[in-house]
Amino acid sequence: MAWITPKTDWAPSNTVADSDFNRIEGNTDYLSKLVTISGAIPDTSITASSDVEFYRIRITVDTGKTLKVKRVSYYIAAANASLRLKILINYSGNTPWQSSSYSGDDTPNASLWTNPGGGPNVMELQVRVVNTSSGDPISCGNSGFTAILIAE
């Protein structure tokens, strides 16, 4: 079920209708499926045109569901436009890595992978910082990230 904007204009005379309960239950179900990952990015020098892995997790995606990135937020202390956050996934080590890159706060609703069937599949997810420059290495400083994912 998709997120439905909650009612915010309640008046003392309002009663809770069936549609209100359905919206509340649907939104609660939606929120229960969100996965939030976050982590620290230690001060590291990243060579030009390369990336460094900072976080790795395994996520199970049920048959017919699509793993989506709903929101990404990160802070790179170096404040350098050449540094990007990259989220990569790999299905059971058998397919090429798929990835999306982000710069700053982003609400991409980007689909990373859809489970074609045959039961639940475990995805390996990595978070990396990428130096897109062609010049000197860049130190990313003490930084951090948060990403919100959902399989729907």
N, C-alpha and C. Protein backbone atom coordinates (compact mmCIF):
# COMPACT_ATOMS: atom_id res chain seq x y z
N MET A 1 0.84 -1.18 0.00
CA MET A 1 0.00 0.00 0.00
C MET A 1 0.89 1.25 0.00
N ALA A 2 0.51 2.23 -0.75
CA ALA A 2 1.26 3.48 -0.84
C ALA A 2 0.95 4.39 0.35
N TRP A 3 1.84 5.31 0.62
CA TRP A 3 1.65 6.30 1.68
C TRP A 3 0.52 7.25 1.29
N ILE A 4 -0.38 7.52 2.24
CA ILE A 4 -1.46 8.49 2.03
C ILE A 4 -1.25 9.62 3.03
N THR A 5 -1.24 10.84 2.55
CA THR A 5 -1.01 11.99 3.42
C THR A 5 -2.03 12.00 4.56
N PRO A 6 -1.54 12.06 5.81
CA PRO A 6 -2.46 12.05 6.96
C PRO A 6 -3.35 13.30 7.01
N LYS A 7 -4.49 13.15 7.63
CA LYS A 7 -5.39 14.28 7.87
C LYS A 7 -4.78 15.13 8.97
N THR A 8 -4.67 16.42 8.72
CA THR A 8 -4.05 17.32 9.71
C THR A 8 -4.97 18.45 10.14
N ASP A 9 -6.17 18.46 9.62
CA ASP A 9 -7.09 19.56 9.95
C ASP A 9 -8.25 19.08 10.83
N TRP A 10 -7.94 18.23 11.80
CA TRP A 10 -8.96 17.71 12.69
C TRP A 10 -9.60 18.84 13.50
N ALA A 11 -10.90 18.76 13.68
CA ALA A 11 -11.63 19.71 14.51
C ALA A 11 -12.27 18.91 15.66
N PRO A 12 -12.57 19.56 16.78
CA PRO A 12 -13.17 18.85 17.92
C PRO A 12 -14.45 18.10 17.55
N SER A 13 -15.16 18.57 16.55
CA SER A 13 -16.41 17.92 16.16
C SER A 13 -16.21 16.73 15.22
N ASN A 14 -15.01 16.53 14.71
CA ASN A 14 -14.75 15.41 13.79
C ASN A 14 -14.82 14.07 14.50
N THR A 15 -15.32 13.09 13.79
CA THR A 15 -15.27 11.71 14.28
C THR A 15 -14.34 10.93 13.36
N VAL A 16 -13.83 9.82 13.85
CA VAL A 16 -12.93 8.99 13.05
C VAL A 16 -13.78 8.06 12.20
N ALA A 17 -13.63 8.19 10.89
CA ALA A 17 -14.41 7.39 9.95
C ALA A 17 -13.62 6.14 9.54
N ASP A 18 -14.28 5.21 8.88
CA ASP A 18 -13.62 4.00 8.38
C ASP A 18 -12.44 4.37 7.47
N SER A 19 -12.62 5.39 6.64
CA SER A 19 -11.54 5.79 5.73
C SER A 19 -10.32 6.29 6.51
N ASP A 20 -10.55 6.93 7.67
CA ASP A 20 -9.44 7.38 8.51
C ASP A 20 -8.67 6.18 9.06
N PHE A 21 -9.42 5.18 9.56
CA PHE A 21 -8.76 3.97 10.07
C PHE A 21 -7.98 3.26 8.98
N ASN A 22 -8.57 3.18 7.79
CA ASN A 22 -7.88 2.52 6.68
C ASN A 22 -6.59 3.25 6.32
N ARG A 23 -6.64 4.59 6.29
CA ARG A 23 -5.45 5.38 5.99
C ARG A 23 -4.39 5.17 7.08
N ILE A 24 -4.79 5.23 8.34
CA ILE A 24 -3.85 5.05 9.46
C ILE A 24 -3.22 3.67 9.42
N GLU A 25 -4.02 2.63 9.21
CA GLU A 25 -3.49 1.26 9.14
C GLU A 25 -2.57 1.10 7.93
N GLY A 26 -2.96 1.66 6.80
CA GLY A 26 -2.13 1.57 5.59
C GLY A 26 -0.80 2.28 5.78
N ASN A 27 -0.83 3.46 6.37
CA ASN A 27 0.41 4.21 6.61
C ASN A 27 1.30 3.49 7.63
N THR A 28 0.69 2.90 8.64
CA THR A 28 1.47 2.13 9.63
C THR A 28 2.14 0.94 8.97
N ASP A 29 1.40 0.25 8.09
CA ASP A 29 1.97 -0.88 7.35
C ASP A 29 3.13 -0.41 6.47
N TYR A 30 2.95 0.71 5.78
CA TYR A 30 4.00 1.27 4.92
C TYR A 30 5.25 1.58 5.73
N LEU A 31 5.08 2.25 6.87
CA LEU A 31 6.23 2.61 7.70
C LEU A 31 6.96 1.38 8.24
N SER A 32 6.21 0.31 8.49
CA SER A 32 6.84 -0.91 9.03
C SER A 32 7.76 -1.57 8.02
N LYS A 33 7.62 -1.24 6.74
CA LYS A 33 8.44 -1.85 5.69
C LYS A 33 9.68 -1.03 5.33
N LEU A 34 9.80 0.17 5.89
CA LEU A 34 10.96 1.00 5.61
C LEU A 34 12.18 0.48 6.36
N VAL A 35 13.32 0.54 5.74
CA VAL A 35 14.58 0.18 6.37
C VAL A 35 15.47 1.42 6.33
N THR A 36 15.92 1.84 7.49
CA THR A 36 16.83 2.98 7.56
C THR A 36 18.22 2.47 7.90
N ILE A 37 19.17 2.86 7.09
CA ILE A 37 20.57 2.52 7.38
C ILE A 37 21.32 3.83 7.56
N SER A 38 22.25 3.84 8.47
CA SER A 38 23.07 5.03 8.65
C SER A 38 24.41 4.61 9.19
N GLY A 39 25.37 5.45 8.99
CA GLY A 39 26.70 5.12 9.46
C GLY A 39 27.65 6.29 9.38
N ALA A 40 28.77 6.11 10.01
CA ALA A 40 29.82 7.11 10.00
C ALA A 40 30.78 6.83 8.85
N ILE A 41 31.32 7.89 8.31
CA ILE A 41 32.34 7.80 7.28
C ILE A 41 33.59 8.43 7.88
N PRO A 42 34.59 7.61 8.25
CA PRO A 42 35.78 8.17 8.89
C PRO A 42 36.60 9.01 7.91
N ASP A 43 37.42 9.86 8.46
CA ASP A 43 38.29 10.70 7.65
C ASP A 43 39.21 9.79 6.83
N THR A 44 39.04 9.81 5.52
CA THR A 44 39.78 8.93 4.62
C THR A 44 40.15 9.70 3.36
N SER A 45 41.33 9.44 2.84
CA SER A 45 41.76 10.03 1.58
C SER A 45 41.30 9.11 0.45
N ILE A 46 40.57 9.67 -0.51
CA ILE A 46 40.05 8.88 -1.62
C ILE A 46 40.75 9.32 -2.90
N THR A 47 41.41 8.37 -3.55
CA THR A 47 42.16 8.62 -4.78
C THR A 47 41.21 9.08 -5.89
N ALA A 48 41.72 9.90 -6.79
CA ALA A 48 40.93 10.38 -7.92
C ALA A 48 40.35 9.21 -8.71
N SER A 49 39.12 9.38 -9.19
CA SER A 49 38.42 8.39 -10.02
C SER A 49 38.31 7.03 -9.34
N SER A 50 38.14 7.01 -8.02
CA SER A 50 37.97 5.74 -7.31
C SER A 50 36.95 5.92 -6.19
N ASP A 51 36.66 4.83 -5.48
CA ASP A 51 35.71 4.91 -4.37
C ASP A 51 36.18 4.04 -3.22
N VAL A 52 35.60 4.28 -2.04
CA VAL A 52 35.94 3.54 -0.83
C VAL A 52 34.65 3.07 -0.17
N GLU A 53 34.59 1.79 0.17
CA GLU A 53 33.42 1.23 0.84
C GLU A 53 33.44 1.58 2.32
N PHE A 54 32.27 2.01 2.84
CA PHE A 54 32.15 2.35 4.25
C PHE A 54 31.09 1.55 4.97
N TYR A 55 30.21 0.87 4.25
CA TYR A 55 29.08 0.21 4.91
C TYR A 55 28.64 -0.95 4.03
N ARG A 56 28.28 -2.07 4.67
CA ARG A 56 27.79 -3.24 3.94
C ARG A 56 26.72 -3.93 4.78
N ILE A 57 25.62 -4.32 4.12
CA ILE A 57 24.52 -4.99 4.81
C ILE A 57 23.85 -5.95 3.83
N ARG A 58 23.18 -6.95 4.35
CA ARG A 58 22.38 -7.86 3.52
C ARG A 58 20.90 -7.59 3.78
N ILE A 59 20.12 -7.50 2.70
CA ILE A 59 18.68 -7.22 2.78
C ILE A 59 17.95 -8.30 1.99
N THR A 60 16.88 -8.83 2.57
CA THR A 60 16.06 -9.83 1.87
C THR A 60 14.92 -9.12 1.15
N VAL A 61 14.75 -9.44 -0.13
CA VAL A 61 13.68 -8.86 -0.95
C VAL A 61 12.76 -10.00 -1.38
N ASP A 62 11.47 -9.90 -1.02
CA ASP A 62 10.51 -10.94 -1.36
C ASP A 62 10.19 -10.95 -2.85
N THR A 63 9.67 -12.08 -3.33
CA THR A 63 9.29 -12.26 -4.72
C THR A 63 8.35 -11.16 -5.18
N GLY A 64 8.65 -10.60 -6.35
CA GLY A 64 7.79 -9.58 -6.94
C GLY A 64 7.96 -8.18 -6.36
N LYS A 65 8.80 -8.03 -5.35
CA LYS A 65 9.00 -6.72 -4.73
C LYS A 65 10.21 -6.02 -5.36
N THR A 66 10.19 -4.70 -5.33
CA THR A 66 11.28 -3.89 -5.86
C THR A 66 11.94 -3.14 -4.71
N LEU A 67 13.26 -3.25 -4.63
CA LEU A 67 14.01 -2.51 -3.62
C LEU A 67 14.21 -1.10 -4.14
N LYS A 68 13.73 -0.11 -3.37
CA LYS A 68 13.81 1.29 -3.78
C LYS A 68 14.54 2.12 -2.73
N VAL A 69 15.24 3.12 -3.18
CA VAL A 69 15.84 4.10 -2.29
C VAL A 69 14.85 5.26 -2.22
N LYS A 70 14.30 5.50 -1.03
CA LYS A 70 13.30 6.56 -0.86
C LYS A 70 13.94 7.90 -0.53
N ARG A 71 14.99 7.89 0.28
CA ARG A 71 15.65 9.14 0.66
C ARG A 71 17.10 8.86 1.00
N VAL A 72 17.96 9.76 0.61
CA VAL A 72 19.38 9.69 0.95
C VAL A 72 19.79 11.05 1.47
N SER A 73 20.50 11.04 2.58
CA SER A 73 21.03 12.28 3.13
C SER A 73 22.44 11.98 3.62
N TYR A 74 23.38 12.83 3.26
CA TYR A 74 24.72 12.61 3.78
C TYR A 74 25.45 13.92 3.92
N TYR A 75 26.46 13.86 4.74
CA TYR A 75 27.29 15.02 5.01
C TYR A 75 28.73 14.60 4.78
N ILE A 76 29.40 15.26 3.87
CA ILE A 76 30.83 15.04 3.63
C ILE A 76 31.54 16.29 4.16
N ALA A 77 32.36 16.11 5.16
CA ALA A 77 33.00 17.25 5.82
C ALA A 77 33.84 18.08 4.86
N ALA A 78 34.40 17.44 3.85
CA ALA A 78 35.29 18.15 2.93
C ALA A 78 34.53 19.17 2.06
N ALA A 79 33.21 19.02 1.95
CA ALA A 79 32.37 19.92 1.14
C ALA A 79 32.95 20.09 -0.26
N ASN A 80 33.35 19.00 -0.86
CA ASN A 80 33.94 19.02 -2.20
C ASN A 80 32.94 18.43 -3.19
N ALA A 81 32.64 19.17 -4.25
CA ALA A 81 31.64 18.75 -5.23
C ALA A 81 32.02 17.47 -5.96
N SER A 82 33.28 17.05 -5.88
CA SER A 82 33.72 15.83 -6.56
C SER A 82 33.41 14.57 -5.76
N LEU A 83 32.99 14.71 -4.50
CA LEU A 83 32.67 13.54 -3.67
C LEU A 83 31.18 13.26 -3.73
N ARG A 84 30.83 12.00 -4.00
CA ARG A 84 29.45 11.55 -4.10
C ARG A 84 29.25 10.31 -3.24
N LEU A 85 28.01 10.10 -2.80
CA LEU A 85 27.65 8.87 -2.10
C LEU A 85 27.09 7.91 -3.15
N LYS A 86 27.50 6.66 -3.08
CA LYS A 86 27.06 5.66 -4.06
C LYS A 86 26.48 4.47 -3.30
N ILE A 87 25.29 4.03 -3.68
CA ILE A 87 24.67 2.84 -3.10
C ILE A 87 24.66 1.77 -4.18
N LEU A 88 25.23 0.61 -3.86
CA LEU A 88 25.33 -0.49 -4.82
C LEU A 88 24.60 -1.70 -4.25
N ILE A 89 24.01 -2.51 -5.12
CA ILE A 89 23.42 -3.77 -4.70
C ILE A 89 23.88 -4.89 -5.62
N ASN A 90 23.88 -6.10 -5.07
CA ASN A 90 24.23 -7.28 -5.83
C ASN A 90 23.32 -8.40 -5.37
N TYR A 91 22.66 -9.07 -6.31
CA TYR A 91 21.75 -10.16 -6.01
C TYR A 91 22.52 -11.47 -5.90
N SER A 92 22.66 -11.95 -4.71
CA SER A 92 23.28 -13.25 -4.42
C SER A 92 24.64 -13.43 -5.11
N GLY A 93 25.33 -12.35 -5.42
CA GLY A 93 26.65 -12.44 -6.01
C GLY A 93 26.66 -12.91 -7.45
N ASN A 94 25.48 -13.04 -8.08
CA ASN A 94 25.42 -13.61 -9.42
C ASN A 94 25.24 -12.59 -10.53
N THR A 95 24.85 -11.39 -10.21
CA THR A 95 24.59 -10.40 -11.25
C THR A 95 25.55 -9.24 -11.09
N PRO A 96 25.74 -8.46 -12.13
CA PRO A 96 26.61 -7.29 -12.00
C PRO A 96 26.04 -6.32 -10.96
N TRP A 97 26.92 -5.60 -10.32
CA TRP A 97 26.49 -4.60 -9.35
C TRP A 97 25.66 -3.55 -10.05
N GLN A 98 24.56 -3.15 -9.42
CA GLN A 98 23.74 -2.04 -9.89
C GLN A 98 23.91 -0.93 -8.87
N SER A 99 23.93 0.31 -9.33
CA SER A 99 24.17 1.39 -8.37
C SER A 99 23.46 2.67 -8.76
N SER A 100 23.34 3.54 -7.76
CA SER A 100 22.85 4.90 -7.95
C SER A 100 23.78 5.80 -7.17
N SER A 101 24.07 6.98 -7.71
CA SER A 101 24.93 7.95 -7.02
C SER A 101 24.09 9.14 -6.59
N TYR A 102 24.47 9.73 -5.46
CA TYR A 102 23.72 10.83 -4.89
C TYR A 102 24.66 11.94 -4.50
N SER A 103 24.15 13.16 -4.53
CA SER A 103 24.92 14.30 -4.07
C SER A 103 24.05 15.11 -3.12
N GLY A 104 24.43 15.16 -1.86
CA GLY A 104 23.65 15.89 -0.86
C GLY A 104 22.35 15.19 -0.53
N ASP A 105 21.34 15.94 -0.08
CA ASP A 105 20.04 15.37 0.22
C ASP A 105 19.31 15.06 -1.08
N ASP A 106 18.67 13.90 -1.12
CA ASP A 106 18.03 13.47 -2.35
C ASP A 106 16.83 12.61 -1.99
N THR A 107 15.73 12.75 -2.71
CA THR A 107 14.57 11.88 -2.54
C THR A 107 14.26 11.25 -3.89
N PRO A 108 15.09 10.29 -4.29
CA PRO A 108 15.03 9.78 -5.66
C PRO A 108 13.89 8.81 -5.96
N ASN A 109 13.41 8.07 -4.95
CA ASN A 109 12.47 6.98 -5.18
C ASN A 109 12.99 6.07 -6.30
N ALA A 110 14.29 5.85 -6.28
CA ALA A 110 14.95 5.09 -7.34
C ALA A 110 14.85 3.58 -7.10
N SER A 111 14.45 2.85 -8.12
CA SER A 111 14.40 1.40 -8.03
C SER A 111 15.80 0.85 -8.25
N LEU A 112 16.27 0.03 -7.30
CA LEU A 112 17.58 -0.59 -7.45
C LEU A 112 17.48 -1.96 -8.09
N TRP A 113 16.44 -2.73 -7.71
CA TRP A 113 16.35 -4.10 -8.21
C TRP A 113 14.97 -4.67 -7.93
N THR A 114 14.43 -5.46 -8.87
CA THR A 114 13.16 -6.14 -8.67
C THR A 114 13.41 -7.64 -8.65
N ASN A 115 12.86 -8.30 -7.63
CA ASN A 115 12.98 -9.76 -7.51
C ASN A 115 12.04 -10.39 -8.53
N PRO A 116 12.58 -11.12 -9.51
CA PRO A 116 11.74 -11.68 -10.57
C PRO A 116 10.90 -12.88 -10.14
N GLY A 117 11.21 -13.48 -9.02
CA GLY A 117 10.44 -14.64 -8.57
C GLY A 117 11.33 -15.74 -8.06
N GLY A 118 10.70 -16.83 -7.65
CA GLY A 118 11.46 -17.97 -7.15
C GLY A 118 11.75 -17.88 -5.66
N GLY A 119 11.04 -17.03 -4.94
CA GLY A 119 11.24 -16.92 -3.49
C GLY A 119 12.06 -15.71 -3.11
N PRO A 120 12.17 -15.48 -1.81
CA PRO A 120 12.95 -14.32 -1.33
C PRO A 120 14.41 -14.43 -1.74
N ASN A 121 15.01 -13.30 -2.03
CA ASN A 121 16.42 -13.26 -2.40
C ASN A 121 17.16 -12.27 -1.51
N VAL A 122 18.37 -12.63 -1.17
CA VAL A 122 19.20 -11.78 -0.33
C VAL A 122 20.05 -10.88 -1.21
N MET A 123 19.97 -9.59 -0.94
CA MET A 123 20.75 -8.60 -1.67
C MET A 123 21.88 -8.13 -0.77
N GLU A 124 23.05 -7.97 -1.34
CA GLU A 124 24.13 -7.33 -0.61
C GLU A 124 24.12 -5.86 -1.02
N LEU A 125 24.09 -4.99 -0.03
CA LEU A 125 24.06 -3.56 -0.29
C LEU A 125 25.32 -2.92 0.28
N GLN A 126 25.96 -2.09 -0.51
CA GLN A 126 27.16 -1.38 -0.07
C GLN A 126 26.94 0.12 -0.20
N VAL A 127 27.55 0.87 0.70
CA VAL A 127 27.57 2.32 0.60
C VAL A 127 29.02 2.72 0.44
N ARG A 128 29.30 3.50 -0.59
CA ARG A 128 30.66 3.94 -0.89
C ARG A 128 30.68 5.45 -1.08
N VAL A 129 31.85 6.04 -0.88
CA VAL A 129 32.07 7.44 -1.24
C VAL A 129 32.97 7.43 -2.46
N VAL A 130 32.57 8.17 -3.49
CA VAL A 130 33.25 8.19 -4.77
C VAL A 130 33.91 9.55 -4.98
N ASN A 131 35.16 9.53 -5.43
CA ASN A 131 35.86 10.75 -5.83
C ASN A 131 35.79 10.81 -7.35
N THR A 132 34.98 11.71 -7.89
CA THR A 132 34.80 11.80 -9.34
C THR A 132 35.83 12.70 -10.02
N SER A 133 36.72 13.29 -9.24
CA SER A 133 37.72 14.18 -9.85
C SER A 133 38.82 13.37 -10.54
N SER A 134 39.58 14.02 -11.38
CA SER A 134 40.71 13.36 -12.04
C SER A 134 42.02 13.88 -11.49
N GLY A 135 41.95 14.65 -10.41
CA GLY A 135 43.16 15.26 -9.85
C GLY A 135 43.67 14.53 -8.63
N ASP A 136 44.06 15.30 -7.63
CA ASP A 136 44.65 14.76 -6.42
C ASP A 136 43.63 14.03 -5.57
N PRO A 137 44.10 13.16 -4.66
CA PRO A 137 43.19 12.52 -3.70
C PRO A 137 42.49 13.59 -2.85
N ILE A 138 41.28 13.26 -2.39
CA ILE A 138 40.50 14.17 -1.56
C ILE A 138 40.22 13.48 -0.23
N SER A 139 40.46 14.17 0.86
CA SER A 139 40.11 13.65 2.18
C SER A 139 38.66 14.01 2.46
N CYS A 140 37.85 13.01 2.82
CA CYS A 140 36.42 13.28 3.00
C CYS A 140 36.10 13.81 4.40
N GLY A 141 37.08 13.81 5.33
CA GLY A 141 36.80 14.29 6.68
C GLY A 141 35.89 13.34 7.42
N ASN A 142 35.60 13.61 8.67
CA ASN A 142 34.67 12.78 9.43
C ASN A 142 33.26 13.13 8.97
N SER A 143 32.57 12.17 8.39
CA SER A 143 31.30 12.41 7.71
C SER A 143 30.29 11.35 8.11
N GLY A 144 29.10 11.38 7.51
CA GLY A 144 28.08 10.39 7.81
C GLY A 144 27.00 10.35 6.75
N PHE A 145 26.14 9.30 6.80
CA PHE A 145 25.09 9.16 5.84
C PHE A 145 23.87 8.48 6.47
N THR A 146 22.73 8.69 5.85
CA THR A 146 21.48 7.98 6.18
C THR A 146 20.78 7.69 4.87
N ALA A 147 20.26 6.50 4.73
CA ALA A 147 19.47 6.14 3.56
C ALA A 147 18.22 5.39 4.02
N ILE A 148 17.10 5.69 3.41
CA ILE A 148 15.84 5.01 3.71
C ILE A 148 15.46 4.18 2.49
N LEU A 149 15.29 2.89 2.72
CA LEU A 149 14.97 1.94 1.65
C LEU A 149 13.63 1.28 1.94
N ILE A 150 12.99 0.77 0.88
CA ILE A 150 11.76 0.00 1.04
C ILE A 150 11.70 -1.04 -0.07
N ALA A 151 11.17 -2.19 0.25
CA ALA A 151 10.88 -3.21 -0.77
C ALA A 151 9.36 -3.24 -0.92
N GLU A 152 8.88 -2.75 -2.06
CA GLU A 152 7.43 -2.70 -2.26
C GLU A 152 7.06 -3.16 -3.65
